[in-house]
Amino acid sequence: MIYLTKKDLIEVVAKKSNLTNKAARDSVQTVLNTIRDSLKRGEKVVLTGFGTFSVRSRAQRVGRNPKTGERITLSARKAPGFTPGKTFKKAIR
């Protein structure tokens, strides 16, 4: 399996956009921060042709402690979610 790290992404952006590594790093970081900050405010982020980032609510549920097998209650929480767009799905198939 091959991973694309943030550093790799910055290098690709720099090369394809004819930017310096610093400018590409700032651009990538700005995009990621904007997505994160929007999700923190409870907003959806829609990137047409790519997908939608949103906040999903997880209900309280009963789980098990893997060490002891004891039943524990896991509290409700919010989690980030991503739904790929139609164009993105087609490109992967």
Protein backbone atom coordinates (compact mmCIF):
# COMPACT_ATOMS: atom_id res chain seq x y z
CA MET A 1 0.00 0.00 0.00
CA ILE A 2 1.26 3.45 -0.88
CA TYR A 3 0.47 6.46 1.30
CA LEU A 4 0.33 10.08 0.22
CA THR A 5 1.57 12.09 3.17
CA LYS A 6 0.99 15.78 3.74
CA LYS A 7 4.62 16.40 2.78
CA ASP A 8 4.11 14.48 -0.50
CA LEU A 9 0.95 16.47 -1.21
CA ILE A 10 2.80 19.74 -0.67
CA GLU A 11 5.54 18.65 -3.08
CA VAL A 12 2.97 17.73 -5.75
CA VAL A 13 1.14 21.05 -5.34
CA ALA A 14 4.44 22.96 -5.55
CA LYS A 15 5.51 21.14 -8.69
CA LYS A 16 2.18 21.30 -10.55
CA SER A 17 1.49 24.93 -9.59
CA ASN A 18 5.03 26.25 -10.06
CA LEU A 19 5.09 27.40 -6.44
CA THR A 20 7.84 27.27 -3.89
CA ASN A 21 7.54 24.54 -1.26
CA LYS A 22 6.79 27.22 1.34
CA ALA A 23 3.97 28.74 -0.74
CA ALA A 24 2.54 25.28 -1.46
CA ARG A 25 2.75 24.34 2.24
CA ASP A 26 0.92 27.54 3.18
CA SER A 27 -1.76 26.86 0.54
CA VAL A 28 -2.34 23.25 1.61
CA GLN A 29 -2.39 24.22 5.29
CA THR A 30 -4.88 27.03 4.60
CA VAL A 31 -7.24 24.64 2.81
CA LEU A 32 -7.03 22.07 5.62
CA ASN A 33 -7.51 24.71 8.32
CA THR A 34 -10.52 26.15 6.50
CA ILE A 35 -12.16 22.71 6.30
CA ARG A 36 -11.41 22.04 9.98
CA ASP A 37 -12.69 25.43 11.15
CA SER A 38 -15.90 25.10 9.11
CA LEU A 39 -16.58 21.67 10.60
CA LYS A 40 -15.94 23.04 14.10
CA ARG A 41 -18.71 25.58 13.46
CA GLY A 42 -21.02 22.75 12.34
CA GLU A 43 -20.95 23.74 8.67
CA LYS A 44 -20.71 21.43 5.67
CA VAL A 45 -17.84 21.82 3.23
CA VAL A 46 -18.81 20.89 -0.33
CA LEU A 47 -16.08 20.51 -2.93
CA THR A 48 -17.99 19.99 -6.16
CA GLY A 49 -16.71 16.98 -8.06
CA PHE A 50 -14.76 15.74 -5.02
CA GLY A 51 -17.07 15.32 -2.04
CA THR A 52 -18.65 16.70 1.10
CA PHE A 53 -17.12 16.99 4.55
CA SER A 54 -19.65 17.12 7.39
CA VAL A 55 -20.07 16.57 11.11
CA ARG A 56 -21.91 13.39 12.07
CA SER A 57 -23.53 12.74 15.42
CA ARG A 58 -22.86 9.40 17.05
CA ALA A 59 -25.47 8.21 19.53
CA GLN A 60 -24.65 6.87 22.97
CA ARG A 61 -24.09 3.12 22.82
CA VAL A 62 -22.96 0.16 24.85
CA GLY A 63 -19.52 -1.25 24.11
CA ARG A 64 -17.13 -3.70 25.68
CA ASN A 65 -13.76 -3.23 27.32
CA PRO A 66 -11.53 -5.39 25.08
CA LYS A 67 -9.29 -6.34 28.02
CA THR A 68 -11.92 -7.48 30.49
CA GLY A 69 -15.04 -7.96 28.36
CA GLU A 70 -16.91 -5.68 30.76
CA ARG A 71 -19.81 -3.70 29.27
CA ILE A 72 -19.23 0.04 29.23
CA THR A 73 -21.33 2.97 28.04
CA LEU A 74 -19.77 5.05 25.28
CA SER A 75 -21.08 8.62 25.35
CA ALA A 76 -22.60 10.44 22.39
CA ARG A 77 -20.12 12.40 20.32
CA LYS A 78 -19.58 14.20 17.07
CA ALA A 79 -17.26 12.84 14.39
CA PRO A 80 -16.06 14.19 11.05
CA GLY A 81 -17.45 12.47 7.99
CA PHE A 82 -16.74 12.47 4.27
CA THR A 83 -19.07 11.52 1.45
CA PRO A 84 -17.38 11.20 -1.95
CA GLY A 85 -18.96 12.99 -4.88
CA LYS A 86 -20.25 11.30 -8.01
CA THR A 87 -17.32 12.42 -10.17
CA PHE A 88 -14.81 11.23 -7.56
CA LYS A 89 -16.51 7.83 -7.31
CA LYS A 90 -16.47 7.41 -11.09
CA ALA A 91 -12.75 8.25 -11.23
CA ILE A 92 -11.94 5.56 -8.66
CA ARG A 93 -13.94 2.82 -10.35
